Amino acid sequence: MTKRAVEESEVIRVDASGRRRHSPEFKRRLTRLALEPGASVAGIARA
């Protein structure tokens, strides 16, 4: 995963506690990346 994919995180809303809400498309993109052979969830999170 590239930094660009994370930077384009499509945050829909940030609530009063600071929790970010992401678009369903962004969540699907992260899931696809995590399911690729050799992918690391930690690596995706750090990107």
C-alpha atoms as a PDB file:
ATOM      1  CA  MET A   1       0.000   0.000   0.000  1.00  0.00           C
ATOM      2  CA  THR A   2       1.264   3.404  -0.801  1.00  0.00           C
ATOM      3  CA  LYS A   3       1.121   6.450   1.404  1.00  0.00           C
ATOM      4  CA  ARG A   4      -1.184   7.984  -1.177  1.00  0.00           C
ATOM      5  CA  ALA A   5      -3.829   5.327  -0.523  1.00  0.00           C
ATOM      6  CA  VAL A   6      -3.813   6.194   3.165  1.00  0.00           C
ATOM      7  CA  GLU A   7      -3.639   9.941   2.594  1.00  0.00           C
ATOM      8  CA  GLU A   8      -6.760   9.649   0.472  1.00  0.00           C
ATOM      9  CA  SER A   9      -8.544   8.081   3.402  1.00  0.00           C
ATOM     10  CA  GLU A  10     -11.883   9.640   2.602  1.00  0.00           C
ATOM     11  CA  VAL A  11     -12.683  10.604   6.170  1.00  0.00           C
ATOM     12  CA  ILE A  12     -16.390  11.278   6.126  1.00  0.00           C
ATOM     13  CA  ARG A  13     -16.751  12.628   9.625  1.00  0.00           C
ATOM     14  CA  VAL A  14     -14.848  13.142  12.854  1.00  0.00           C
ATOM     15  CA  ASP A  15     -17.036  12.976  15.936  1.00  0.00           C
ATOM     16  CA  ALA A  16     -16.607  14.883  19.205  1.00  0.00           C
ATOM     17  CA  SER A  17     -14.277  12.227  20.633  1.00  0.00           C
ATOM     18  CA  GLY A  18     -11.993  12.492  17.591  1.00  0.00           C
ATOM     19  CA  ARG A  19     -12.987   9.155  16.078  1.00  0.00           C
ATOM     20  CA  ARG A  20     -12.774   9.177  12.298  1.00  0.00           C
ATOM     21  CA  ARG A  21     -15.454   7.655  10.094  1.00  0.00           C
ATOM     22  CA  HIS A  22     -14.248   6.383   6.719  1.00  0.00           C
ATOM     23  CA  SER A  23     -16.178   5.772   3.538  1.00  0.00           C
ATOM     24  CA  PRO A  24     -17.218   2.223   2.658  1.00  0.00           C
ATOM     25  CA  GLU A  25     -15.060   2.392  -0.498  1.00  0.00           C
ATOM     26  CA  PHE A  26     -11.955   3.205   1.560  1.00  0.00           C
ATOM     27  CA  LYS A  27     -12.678   0.267   3.869  1.00  0.00           C
ATOM     28  CA  ARG A  28     -13.100  -2.055   0.860  1.00  0.00           C
ATOM     29  CA  ARG A  29      -9.787  -0.829  -0.595  1.00  0.00           C
ATOM     30  CA  LEU A  30      -7.955  -1.525   2.682  1.00  0.00           C
ATOM     31  CA  THR A  31      -9.532  -4.973   2.900  1.00  0.00           C
ATOM     32  CA  ARG A  32      -8.437  -5.835  -0.653  1.00  0.00           C
ATOM     33  CA  LEU A  33      -4.888  -4.710   0.134  1.00  0.00           C
ATOM     34  CA  ALA A  34      -4.791  -6.734   3.351  1.00  0.00           C
ATOM     35  CA  LEU A  35      -5.895  -9.888   1.515  1.00  0.00           C
ATOM     36  CA  GLU A  36      -3.095  -9.727  -1.064  1.00  0.00           C
ATOM     37  CA  PRO A  37      -0.404 -12.407  -0.718  1.00  0.00           C
ATOM     38  CA  GLY A  38       2.436 -11.170   1.454  1.00  0.00           C
ATOM     39  CA  ALA A  39       0.475  -8.174   2.728  1.00  0.00           C
ATOM     40  CA  SER A  40       1.018  -7.037   6.285  1.00  0.00           C
ATOM     41  CA  VAL A  41      -1.792  -5.349   8.190  1.00  0.00           C
ATOM     42  CA  ALA A  42       0.809  -3.530  10.283  1.00  0.00           C
ATOM     43  CA  GLY A  43       2.545  -2.377   7.108  1.00  0.00           C
ATOM     44  CA  ILE A  44      -0.720  -1.088   5.690  1.00  0.00           C
ATOM     45  CA  ALA A  45      -1.476   0.755   8.938  1.00  0.00           C
ATOM     46  CA  ARG A  46       1.963   2.382   8.956  1.00  0.00           C
ATOM     47  CA  ALA A  47       1.770   3.497   5.332  1.00  0.00           C
END
